N, C-alpha and C. Protein backbone atom coordinates (compact mmCIF):
# COMPACT_ATOMS: atom_id res chain seq x y z
N UNK A 1 51.28 92.94 73.18
CA UNK A 1 50.50 92.54 72.04
C UNK A 1 51.45 92.19 70.89
N UNK A 2 51.11 91.18 70.16
CA UNK A 2 51.90 90.75 69.01
C UNK A 2 51.81 91.82 67.92
N UNK A 3 52.96 92.24 67.41
CA UNK A 3 52.95 93.26 66.36
C UNK A 3 52.48 92.65 65.04
N UNK A 4 51.99 93.51 64.16
CA UNK A 4 51.58 93.03 62.83
C UNK A 4 52.79 92.44 62.10
N UNK A 5 53.94 93.04 62.28
CA UNK A 5 55.14 92.54 61.61
C UNK A 5 55.43 91.10 62.01
N UNK A 6 55.35 90.81 63.29
CA UNK A 6 55.60 89.44 63.76
C UNK A 6 54.49 88.50 63.30
N UNK A 7 53.25 88.93 63.41
CA UNK A 7 52.14 88.09 62.97
C UNK A 7 52.26 87.77 61.48
N UNK A 8 52.57 88.77 60.68
CA UNK A 8 52.71 88.56 59.24
C UNK A 8 53.90 87.66 58.93
N UNK A 9 54.98 87.80 59.66
CA UNK A 9 56.15 86.94 59.46
C UNK A 9 55.79 85.48 59.73
N UNK A 10 55.07 85.24 60.82
CA UNK A 10 54.66 83.88 61.16
C UNK A 10 53.70 83.35 60.10
N UNK A 11 52.74 84.16 59.67
CA UNK A 11 51.79 83.73 58.64
C UNK A 11 52.53 83.37 57.34
N UNK A 12 53.50 84.18 56.95
CA UNK A 12 54.26 83.91 55.73
C UNK A 12 55.07 82.62 55.87
N UNK A 13 55.70 82.42 57.01
CA UNK A 13 56.47 81.20 57.23
C UNK A 13 55.56 79.97 57.24
N UNK A 14 54.37 80.11 57.80
CA UNK A 14 53.41 79.00 57.83
C UNK A 14 52.99 78.62 56.41
N UNK A 15 52.61 79.60 55.58
CA UNK A 15 52.18 79.26 54.22
C UNK A 15 53.33 78.68 53.41
N UNK A 16 54.54 79.19 53.64
CA UNK A 16 55.69 78.62 52.94
C UNK A 16 55.98 77.21 53.45
N UNK A 17 55.75 76.98 54.74
CA UNK A 17 55.91 75.63 55.29
C UNK A 17 54.90 74.65 54.73
N UNK A 18 53.67 75.12 54.56
CA UNK A 18 52.63 74.27 53.98
C UNK A 18 52.92 73.95 52.51
N UNK A 19 53.66 74.81 51.85
CA UNK A 19 53.98 74.64 50.43
C UNK A 19 55.45 74.28 50.21
N UNK A 20 56.06 73.69 51.22
CA UNK A 20 57.49 73.40 51.16
C UNK A 20 57.87 72.45 50.03
N UNK A 21 56.95 71.60 49.62
CA UNK A 21 57.24 70.63 48.55
C UNK A 21 56.94 71.18 47.16
N UNK A 22 56.59 72.46 47.08
CA UNK A 22 56.25 73.11 45.82
C UNK A 22 57.33 74.13 45.46
N UNK A 23 57.28 74.65 44.23
CA UNK A 23 58.26 75.69 43.83
C UNK A 23 58.12 76.93 44.71
N UNK A 24 59.14 77.79 44.70
CA UNK A 24 59.07 79.03 45.50
C UNK A 24 57.78 79.81 45.20
N UNK A 25 57.28 80.49 46.22
CA UNK A 25 56.03 81.27 46.09
C UNK A 25 56.37 82.73 45.84
N UNK A 26 55.62 83.34 44.95
CA UNK A 26 55.79 84.75 44.69
C UNK A 26 55.22 85.57 45.84
N UNK A 27 55.84 86.71 46.08
CA UNK A 27 55.39 87.60 47.16
C UNK A 27 53.92 87.96 46.98
N UNK A 28 53.53 88.25 45.75
CA UNK A 28 52.15 88.67 45.50
C UNK A 28 51.15 87.58 45.88
N UNK A 29 51.51 86.32 45.66
CA UNK A 29 50.62 85.20 46.02
C UNK A 29 50.51 85.07 47.54
N UNK A 30 51.65 85.17 48.23
CA UNK A 30 51.64 85.10 49.70
C UNK A 30 50.80 86.25 50.26
N UNK A 31 51.04 87.45 49.73
CA UNK A 31 50.33 88.64 50.21
C UNK A 31 48.83 88.49 50.01
N UNK A 32 48.43 88.00 48.86
CA UNK A 32 47.01 87.84 48.57
C UNK A 32 46.37 86.78 49.45
N UNK A 33 47.00 85.62 49.54
CA UNK A 33 46.41 84.51 50.31
C UNK A 33 46.35 84.81 51.81
N UNK A 34 47.33 85.55 52.31
CA UNK A 34 47.38 85.81 53.75
C UNK A 34 46.90 87.21 54.13
N UNK A 35 46.46 87.98 53.13
CA UNK A 35 45.95 89.34 53.35
C UNK A 35 46.98 90.21 54.06
N UNK A 36 48.17 90.22 53.50
CA UNK A 36 49.28 91.01 54.03
C UNK A 36 49.63 92.07 52.99
N UNK A 37 49.77 93.33 53.38
CA UNK A 37 50.19 94.35 52.42
C UNK A 37 51.53 93.96 51.77
N UNK A 38 51.56 94.00 50.44
CA UNK A 38 52.71 93.48 49.69
C UNK A 38 54.02 94.18 50.06
N UNK A 39 54.03 95.49 50.13
CA UNK A 39 55.27 96.23 50.44
C UNK A 39 55.79 95.86 51.83
N UNK A 40 54.89 95.72 52.77
CA UNK A 40 55.27 95.34 54.14
C UNK A 40 55.83 93.92 54.13
N UNK A 41 55.18 93.04 53.39
CA UNK A 41 55.62 91.65 53.29
C UNK A 41 57.02 91.55 52.68
N UNK A 42 57.30 92.38 51.69
CA UNK A 42 58.63 92.36 51.05
C UNK A 42 59.73 92.57 52.09
N UNK A 43 59.53 93.55 52.97
CA UNK A 43 60.54 93.83 54.01
C UNK A 43 60.64 92.69 55.01
N UNK A 44 59.50 92.13 55.38
CA UNK A 44 59.49 91.02 56.34
C UNK A 44 60.22 89.81 55.75
N UNK A 45 59.94 89.48 54.50
CA UNK A 45 60.59 88.33 53.86
C UNK A 45 62.09 88.56 53.70
N UNK A 46 62.48 89.79 53.44
CA UNK A 46 63.90 90.11 53.37
C UNK A 46 64.57 89.87 54.72
N UNK A 47 63.91 90.29 55.80
CA UNK A 47 64.44 90.04 57.15
C UNK A 47 64.56 88.54 57.43
N UNK A 48 63.55 87.79 57.03
CA UNK A 48 63.56 86.33 57.24
C UNK A 48 64.66 85.67 56.39
N UNK A 49 64.86 86.18 55.18
CA UNK A 49 65.93 85.66 54.33
C UNK A 49 67.29 85.97 54.94
N UNK A 50 67.47 87.20 55.40
CA UNK A 50 68.74 87.59 56.02
C UNK A 50 69.04 86.78 57.29
N UNK A 51 67.99 86.31 57.94
CA UNK A 51 68.14 85.48 59.15
C UNK A 51 68.41 84.01 58.79
N UNK A 52 68.32 83.67 57.51
CA UNK A 52 68.60 82.30 57.07
C UNK A 52 67.40 81.38 57.03
N UNK A 53 66.21 81.90 57.28
CA UNK A 53 65.00 81.07 57.27
C UNK A 53 64.48 80.82 55.86
N UNK A 54 64.76 81.75 54.95
CA UNK A 54 64.25 81.66 53.59
C UNK A 54 65.37 81.78 52.58
N UNK A 55 65.08 81.32 51.38
CA UNK A 55 65.93 81.67 50.24
C UNK A 55 65.03 82.23 49.17
N UNK A 56 65.60 83.04 48.30
CA UNK A 56 64.82 83.63 47.23
C UNK A 56 65.43 83.22 45.90
N UNK A 57 64.54 83.10 44.93
CA UNK A 57 64.95 82.74 43.57
C UNK A 57 64.41 83.82 42.65
N UNK A 58 65.27 84.35 41.80
CA UNK A 58 64.84 85.41 40.88
C UNK A 58 64.43 84.82 39.54
N UNK A 59 63.70 85.62 38.80
CA UNK A 59 63.32 85.23 37.44
C UNK A 59 62.05 84.40 37.40
N UNK A 60 61.85 83.78 36.22
CA UNK A 60 60.66 82.94 36.01
C UNK A 60 60.67 81.80 37.02
N UNK A 61 59.53 81.57 37.65
CA UNK A 61 59.44 80.53 38.67
C UNK A 61 60.08 80.94 39.97
N UNK A 62 60.40 82.22 40.08
CA UNK A 62 61.06 82.73 41.28
C UNK A 62 60.10 83.01 42.40
N UNK A 63 60.65 83.34 43.52
CA UNK A 63 59.87 83.65 44.71
C UNK A 63 60.66 83.27 45.95
N UNK A 64 59.93 83.01 47.02
CA UNK A 64 60.54 82.64 48.30
C UNK A 64 60.15 81.22 48.69
N UNK A 65 61.08 80.56 49.36
CA UNK A 65 60.84 79.23 49.91
C UNK A 65 61.62 79.10 51.21
N UNK A 66 61.20 78.16 52.04
CA UNK A 66 61.91 77.93 53.30
C UNK A 66 63.31 77.38 53.02
N UNK A 67 64.25 77.88 53.78
CA UNK A 67 65.63 77.42 53.71
C UNK A 67 65.91 76.40 54.81
N UNK A 68 64.96 76.26 55.73
CA UNK A 68 65.06 75.33 56.85
C UNK A 68 63.76 74.54 56.93
N UNK A 69 63.83 73.42 57.58
CA UNK A 69 62.64 72.62 57.84
C UNK A 69 61.75 73.41 58.81
N UNK A 70 60.43 73.42 58.60
CA UNK A 70 59.53 74.15 59.51
C UNK A 70 59.70 73.75 60.98
N UNK A 71 60.12 72.54 61.25
CA UNK A 71 60.30 72.11 62.64
C UNK A 71 61.55 72.74 63.28
N UNK A 72 62.39 73.37 62.45
CA UNK A 72 63.61 73.99 62.96
C UNK A 72 63.52 75.52 63.03
N UNK A 73 62.34 76.06 62.77
CA UNK A 73 62.13 77.51 62.87
C UNK A 73 61.21 77.76 64.06
N UNK A 74 61.77 78.31 65.11
CA UNK A 74 61.02 78.51 66.35
C UNK A 74 60.49 79.94 66.45
N UNK A 75 59.31 80.07 67.03
CA UNK A 75 58.66 81.37 67.16
C UNK A 75 59.52 82.37 67.91
N UNK A 76 60.30 81.92 68.87
CA UNK A 76 61.15 82.83 69.64
C UNK A 76 62.13 83.55 68.70
N UNK A 77 62.68 82.85 67.73
CA UNK A 77 63.62 83.47 66.80
C UNK A 77 62.92 84.46 65.88
N UNK A 78 61.75 84.08 65.40
CA UNK A 78 60.99 84.97 64.53
C UNK A 78 60.65 86.26 65.27
N UNK A 79 60.19 86.14 66.50
CA UNK A 79 59.82 87.32 67.28
C UNK A 79 61.01 88.21 67.57
N UNK A 80 62.14 87.63 67.87
CA UNK A 80 63.32 88.45 68.16
C UNK A 80 63.81 89.17 66.90
N UNK A 81 63.68 88.53 65.75
CA UNK A 81 64.08 89.17 64.50
C UNK A 81 63.14 90.33 64.15
N UNK A 82 61.86 90.11 64.33
CA UNK A 82 60.89 91.12 63.91
C UNK A 82 60.66 92.21 64.95
N UNK A 83 60.75 91.88 66.23
CA UNK A 83 60.41 92.86 67.28
C UNK A 83 61.49 93.09 68.33
N UNK A 84 62.55 92.32 68.30
CA UNK A 84 63.58 92.51 69.32
C UNK A 84 63.26 91.76 70.60
N UNK A 85 63.35 92.45 71.74
CA UNK A 85 63.20 91.76 73.03
C UNK A 85 61.81 91.19 73.27
N UNK A 86 61.79 90.06 73.99
CA UNK A 86 60.53 89.45 74.39
C UNK A 86 60.03 90.03 75.71
N UNK A 87 60.96 90.44 76.55
CA UNK A 87 60.59 90.96 77.87
C UNK A 87 59.78 92.25 77.73
N UNK A 88 58.84 92.43 78.63
CA UNK A 88 57.96 93.60 78.59
C UNK A 88 58.57 94.82 79.27
N UNK A 89 59.60 94.60 80.06
CA UNK A 89 60.36 95.70 80.66
C UNK A 89 61.84 95.46 80.38
N UNK A 90 62.59 96.50 80.12
CA UNK A 90 63.99 96.32 79.69
C UNK A 90 64.88 95.64 80.73
N UNK A 91 64.58 95.82 82.01
CA UNK A 91 65.41 95.23 83.06
C UNK A 91 65.19 93.72 83.21
N UNK A 92 64.18 93.18 82.53
CA UNK A 92 63.92 91.74 82.59
C UNK A 92 64.38 91.03 81.32
N UNK A 93 64.95 91.76 80.38
CA UNK A 93 65.37 91.18 79.12
C UNK A 93 66.68 90.42 79.25
N UNK A 94 66.74 89.28 78.59
CA UNK A 94 67.98 88.49 78.57
C UNK A 94 68.97 89.03 77.54
N UNK A 95 68.48 89.35 76.36
CA UNK A 95 69.36 89.74 75.25
C UNK A 95 69.44 91.24 75.01
N UNK A 96 68.50 91.99 75.57
CA UNK A 96 68.45 93.44 75.33
C UNK A 96 68.34 94.21 76.65
N UNK A 97 68.98 93.68 77.67
CA UNK A 97 68.89 94.26 79.02
C UNK A 97 69.39 95.70 79.06
N UNK A 98 68.66 96.52 79.80
CA UNK A 98 69.19 97.78 80.32
C UNK A 98 68.35 98.20 81.52
N UNK A 99 69.01 98.85 82.44
CA UNK A 99 68.38 99.24 83.69
C UNK A 99 67.29 100.27 83.43
N UNK A 100 66.20 100.15 84.15
CA UNK A 100 65.12 101.14 84.06
C UNK A 100 65.59 102.44 84.72
N UNK A 101 65.36 103.55 84.06
CA UNK A 101 65.82 104.85 84.56
C UNK A 101 65.23 105.20 85.92
N UNK A 102 63.98 104.84 86.13
CA UNK A 102 63.30 105.25 87.36
C UNK A 102 63.46 104.26 88.51
N UNK A 103 64.17 103.17 88.29
CA UNK A 103 64.29 102.12 89.30
C UNK A 103 65.33 102.48 90.36
N UNK A 104 64.95 102.28 91.62
CA UNK A 104 65.89 102.53 92.73
C UNK A 104 66.74 101.31 93.01
N UNK A 105 66.14 100.11 92.93
CA UNK A 105 66.87 98.89 93.24
C UNK A 105 66.24 97.71 92.51
N UNK A 106 66.95 97.15 91.55
CA UNK A 106 66.42 96.00 90.81
C UNK A 106 66.21 94.79 91.71
N UNK A 107 67.06 94.61 92.69
CA UNK A 107 66.96 93.43 93.54
C UNK A 107 65.71 93.42 94.40
N UNK A 108 65.12 94.60 94.66
CA UNK A 108 63.91 94.65 95.47
C UNK A 108 62.69 95.13 94.67
N UNK A 109 62.80 95.12 93.34
CA UNK A 109 61.69 95.61 92.51
C UNK A 109 60.71 94.48 92.22
N UNK A 110 59.51 94.59 92.76
CA UNK A 110 58.47 93.58 92.55
C UNK A 110 58.01 93.52 91.10
N UNK A 111 57.97 94.66 90.43
CA UNK A 111 57.57 94.69 89.02
C UNK A 111 58.54 93.86 88.19
N UNK A 112 59.81 94.11 88.38
CA UNK A 112 60.83 93.36 87.64
C UNK A 112 60.71 91.87 87.91
N UNK A 113 60.51 91.52 89.17
CA UNK A 113 60.42 90.11 89.55
C UNK A 113 59.25 89.41 88.86
N UNK A 114 58.08 90.07 88.82
CA UNK A 114 56.91 89.50 88.14
C UNK A 114 57.20 89.34 86.64
N UNK A 115 57.79 90.37 86.03
CA UNK A 115 57.99 90.33 84.59
C UNK A 115 59.14 89.42 84.15
N UNK A 116 60.00 89.06 85.07
CA UNK A 116 60.97 88.00 84.78
C UNK A 116 60.24 86.67 84.67
N UNK A 117 59.25 86.45 85.56
CA UNK A 117 58.43 85.23 85.46
C UNK A 117 57.64 85.20 84.16
N UNK A 118 57.07 86.34 83.79
CA UNK A 118 56.32 86.43 82.52
C UNK A 118 57.26 86.13 81.35
N UNK A 119 58.44 86.73 81.36
CA UNK A 119 59.43 86.49 80.31
C UNK A 119 59.78 85.01 80.23
N UNK A 120 60.05 84.40 81.36
CA UNK A 120 60.45 82.99 81.37
C UNK A 120 59.35 82.07 80.84
N UNK A 121 58.10 82.34 81.22
CA UNK A 121 56.99 81.53 80.73
C UNK A 121 56.80 81.71 79.22
N UNK A 122 56.88 82.95 78.78
CA UNK A 122 56.76 83.24 77.35
C UNK A 122 57.90 82.59 76.57
N UNK A 123 59.10 82.74 77.08
CA UNK A 123 60.28 82.17 76.43
C UNK A 123 60.17 80.65 76.31
N UNK A 124 59.66 80.00 77.34
CA UNK A 124 59.52 78.55 77.31
C UNK A 124 58.57 78.13 76.18
N UNK A 125 57.43 78.77 76.09
CA UNK A 125 56.45 78.42 75.05
C UNK A 125 57.01 78.71 73.66
N UNK A 126 57.54 79.90 73.47
CA UNK A 126 58.02 80.29 72.14
C UNK A 126 59.25 79.50 71.71
N UNK A 127 60.07 79.10 72.67
CA UNK A 127 61.27 78.31 72.35
C UNK A 127 60.94 76.87 71.99
N UNK A 128 59.76 76.42 72.39
CA UNK A 128 59.36 75.03 72.13
C UNK A 128 58.34 74.92 71.00
N UNK A 129 57.94 76.05 70.42
CA UNK A 129 56.92 76.04 69.38
C UNK A 129 57.54 76.44 68.04
N UNK A 130 57.46 75.53 67.08
CA UNK A 130 58.03 75.77 65.76
C UNK A 130 56.94 76.10 64.75
N UNK A 131 57.36 76.49 63.57
CA UNK A 131 56.41 76.72 62.48
C UNK A 131 55.66 75.42 62.18
N UNK A 132 56.33 74.29 62.25
CA UNK A 132 55.66 72.99 62.04
C UNK A 132 54.57 72.78 63.08
N UNK A 133 54.80 73.21 64.32
CA UNK A 133 53.79 73.09 65.37
C UNK A 133 52.57 73.96 65.06
N UNK A 134 52.81 75.16 64.55
CA UNK A 134 51.70 76.05 64.19
C UNK A 134 50.89 75.42 63.06
N UNK A 135 51.58 74.86 62.07
CA UNK A 135 50.90 74.18 60.96
C UNK A 135 50.06 73.02 61.49
N UNK A 136 50.62 72.23 62.39
CA UNK A 136 49.90 71.09 62.97
C UNK A 136 48.67 71.56 63.75
N UNK A 137 48.81 72.65 64.48
CA UNK A 137 47.66 73.18 65.23
C UNK A 137 46.56 73.64 64.28
N UNK A 138 46.95 74.31 63.20
CA UNK A 138 45.94 74.75 62.22
C UNK A 138 45.20 73.57 61.62
N UNK A 139 45.96 72.53 61.26
CA UNK A 139 45.36 71.34 60.69
C UNK A 139 44.38 70.71 61.67
N UNK A 140 44.78 70.62 62.92
CA UNK A 140 43.92 70.05 63.96
C UNK A 140 42.65 70.89 64.14
N UNK A 141 42.79 72.20 64.16
CA UNK A 141 41.65 73.10 64.34
C UNK A 141 40.68 73.01 63.17
N UNK A 142 41.21 72.87 61.97
CA UNK A 142 40.37 72.76 60.77
C UNK A 142 39.59 71.44 60.79
N UNK A 143 40.22 70.39 61.28
CA UNK A 143 39.61 69.06 61.27
C UNK A 143 38.75 68.74 62.48
N UNK A 144 38.55 69.71 63.37
CA UNK A 144 37.70 69.44 64.54
C UNK A 144 36.37 70.13 64.42
């Protein structure tokens, strides 16, 4: 299941993407419009800034804005920053691999084999879907 942290990060990036041609947005405005707890959002935006997706401006007219084009921010990166591994079992992870304690043989483990397929399918979708794609889907859904 998608964590609230990841969902909120995507929602924040989407609203910032929709407002990319406007001045930086204040955290309180993002929190209010997207119904995200402000304190939680502060930490999420800091993580996104540290990852290079956002920049922040202090003072009057300050807030957060995208540091990259929405088409260059992929969901796979957002998810790895907010939640770590995509794989549902540690032995199927590409970037956070470790052997399962109870496993006798990875090469003959049917569970691992299935979840490698799940990981690969998930990775393909998330690696090909950007914040711009999410914005386009929302626009299409609103207009249908």
